[in-house]
Amino acid sequence: MCIGVPMQVITAGPGFAVCTGMGEKRLVDTLLVGDQQVGDWLLVFLNAAREVLTEEQASRIRKALDALDLAIHGETDIDHLFADLVDRDPQLPIHLRAPK
């Protein structure tokens, strides 16, 4: 299974960046997202950046991946990792809502 992980740029050059995230350090191809600056966040699949993220987006993805890891290991106490979703009513995406 290929899962994208959020990684932060620690050094960068033309077409590549060295990134850290999820306990790893990787050389990442940035040709699809363009050259990046130190401190930028990227969504990385198979050592290639696919999307530039905000710090908030990176944090939410990290928490979701942490929840997945806990669930795989039998943990059920994961609500704290989804604070933005707990205690709110689910909403349909705009394109699925009934016209007004």
Protein backbone atom coordinates (compact mmCIF):
# COMPACT_ATOMS: atom_id res chain seq x y z
CA MET A 1 0.00 0.00 0.00
CA CYS A 2 1.30 3.44 -0.89
CA ILE A 3 0.42 6.15 1.59
CA GLY A 4 1.46 9.77 1.26
CA VAL A 5 3.25 11.19 4.28
CA PRO A 6 3.73 14.83 5.24
CA MET A 7 7.38 15.87 5.25
CA GLN A 8 9.09 19.18 5.93
CA VAL A 9 11.87 20.52 3.72
CA ILE A 10 15.20 20.89 5.56
CA THR A 11 17.38 21.60 2.49
CA ALA A 12 16.44 22.18 -1.12
CA GLY A 13 17.92 22.44 -4.58
CA PRO A 14 16.65 22.49 -8.14
CA GLY A 15 14.25 19.56 -8.55
CA PHE A 16 14.86 18.01 -5.14
CA ALA A 17 14.58 18.54 -1.40
CA VAL A 18 15.82 16.73 1.66
CA CYS A 19 12.83 16.30 3.95
CA THR A 20 12.03 14.91 7.37
CA GLY A 21 8.78 13.54 8.67
CA MET A 22 7.22 10.55 10.36
CA GLY A 23 10.62 9.65 11.83
CA GLU A 24 12.39 9.51 8.46
CA LYS A 25 14.73 11.64 6.39
CA ARG A 26 14.40 11.34 2.61
CA LEU A 27 15.67 12.81 -0.63
CA VAL A 28 12.46 13.90 -2.38
CA ASP A 29 11.86 14.65 -6.06
CA THR A 30 10.07 18.02 -6.34
CA LEU A 31 9.63 18.19 -10.10
CA LEU A 32 5.81 17.90 -9.82
CA VAL A 33 5.46 20.71 -7.27
CA GLY A 34 8.35 22.98 -8.19
CA ASP A 35 11.30 24.11 -6.16
CA GLN A 36 10.58 24.54 -2.46
CA GLN A 37 12.00 26.55 0.43
CA VAL A 38 13.33 25.29 3.76
CA GLY A 39 10.39 24.89 6.13
CA ASP A 40 7.81 24.09 3.43
CA TRP A 41 5.57 21.05 3.92
CA LEU A 42 5.07 18.44 1.19
CA LEU A 43 2.88 15.37 0.77
CA VAL A 44 5.34 12.68 -0.32
CA PHE A 45 4.59 9.38 -2.09
CA LEU A 46 7.45 7.04 -2.97
CA ASN A 47 10.05 9.81 -2.50
CA ALA A 48 8.24 12.22 -4.83
CA ALA A 49 6.35 15.31 -3.66
CA ARG A 50 2.78 15.34 -4.99
CA GLU A 51 1.35 18.37 -3.19
CA VAL A 52 2.47 21.40 -1.19
CA LEU A 53 0.75 21.47 2.22
CA THR A 54 0.11 24.04 4.89
CA GLU A 55 1.45 23.25 8.34
CA GLU A 56 -2.15 22.65 9.48
CA GLN A 57 -2.81 20.16 6.66
CA ALA A 58 0.44 18.35 7.46
CA SER A 59 -0.57 18.11 11.13
CA ARG A 60 -4.01 16.67 10.31
CA ILE A 61 -2.48 14.06 7.99
CA ARG A 62 0.12 13.09 10.60
CA LYS A 63 -2.62 12.65 13.21
CA ALA A 64 -4.71 10.52 10.82
CA LEU A 65 -1.68 8.31 10.11
CA ASP A 66 -1.01 8.02 13.85
CA ALA A 67 -4.66 6.96 14.33
CA LEU A 68 -4.29 4.36 11.57
CA ASP A 69 -1.19 2.95 13.25
CA LEU A 70 -2.97 2.76 16.60
CA ALA A 71 -6.01 1.07 15.04
CA ILE A 72 -3.80 -1.50 13.30
CA HIS A 73 -2.37 -2.35 16.72
CA GLY A 74 -5.81 -2.76 18.31
CA GLU A 75 -6.13 0.63 19.99
CA THR A 76 -9.58 2.19 20.00
CA ASP A 77 -8.87 5.44 21.86
CA ILE A 78 -8.15 7.65 18.85
CA ASP A 79 -10.72 10.45 19.14
CA HIS A 80 -8.07 12.86 20.44
CA LEU A 81 -6.36 12.63 17.04
CA PHE A 82 -9.51 13.89 15.30
CA ALA A 83 -10.35 16.89 17.50
CA ASP A 84 -11.52 18.82 14.43
CA LEU A 85 -14.16 16.15 13.71
CA VAL A 86 -15.32 15.01 17.15
CA ASP A 87 -18.56 16.56 18.42
CA ARG A 88 -19.61 18.09 15.11
CA ASP A 89 -22.24 17.01 12.65
CA PRO A 90 -20.91 15.49 9.44
CA GLN A 91 -21.42 17.63 6.34
CA LEU A 92 -21.72 16.59 2.73
CA PRO A 93 -19.24 18.10 0.28
CA ILE A 94 -20.74 21.06 -1.63
CA HIS A 95 -21.06 19.09 -4.87
CA LEU A 96 -23.28 16.48 -3.12
CA ARG A 97 -25.60 18.92 -1.36
CA ALA A 98 -29.14 19.50 -2.59
CA PRO A 99 -29.56 22.75 -4.54
CA LYS A 100 -31.22 25.54 -2.57
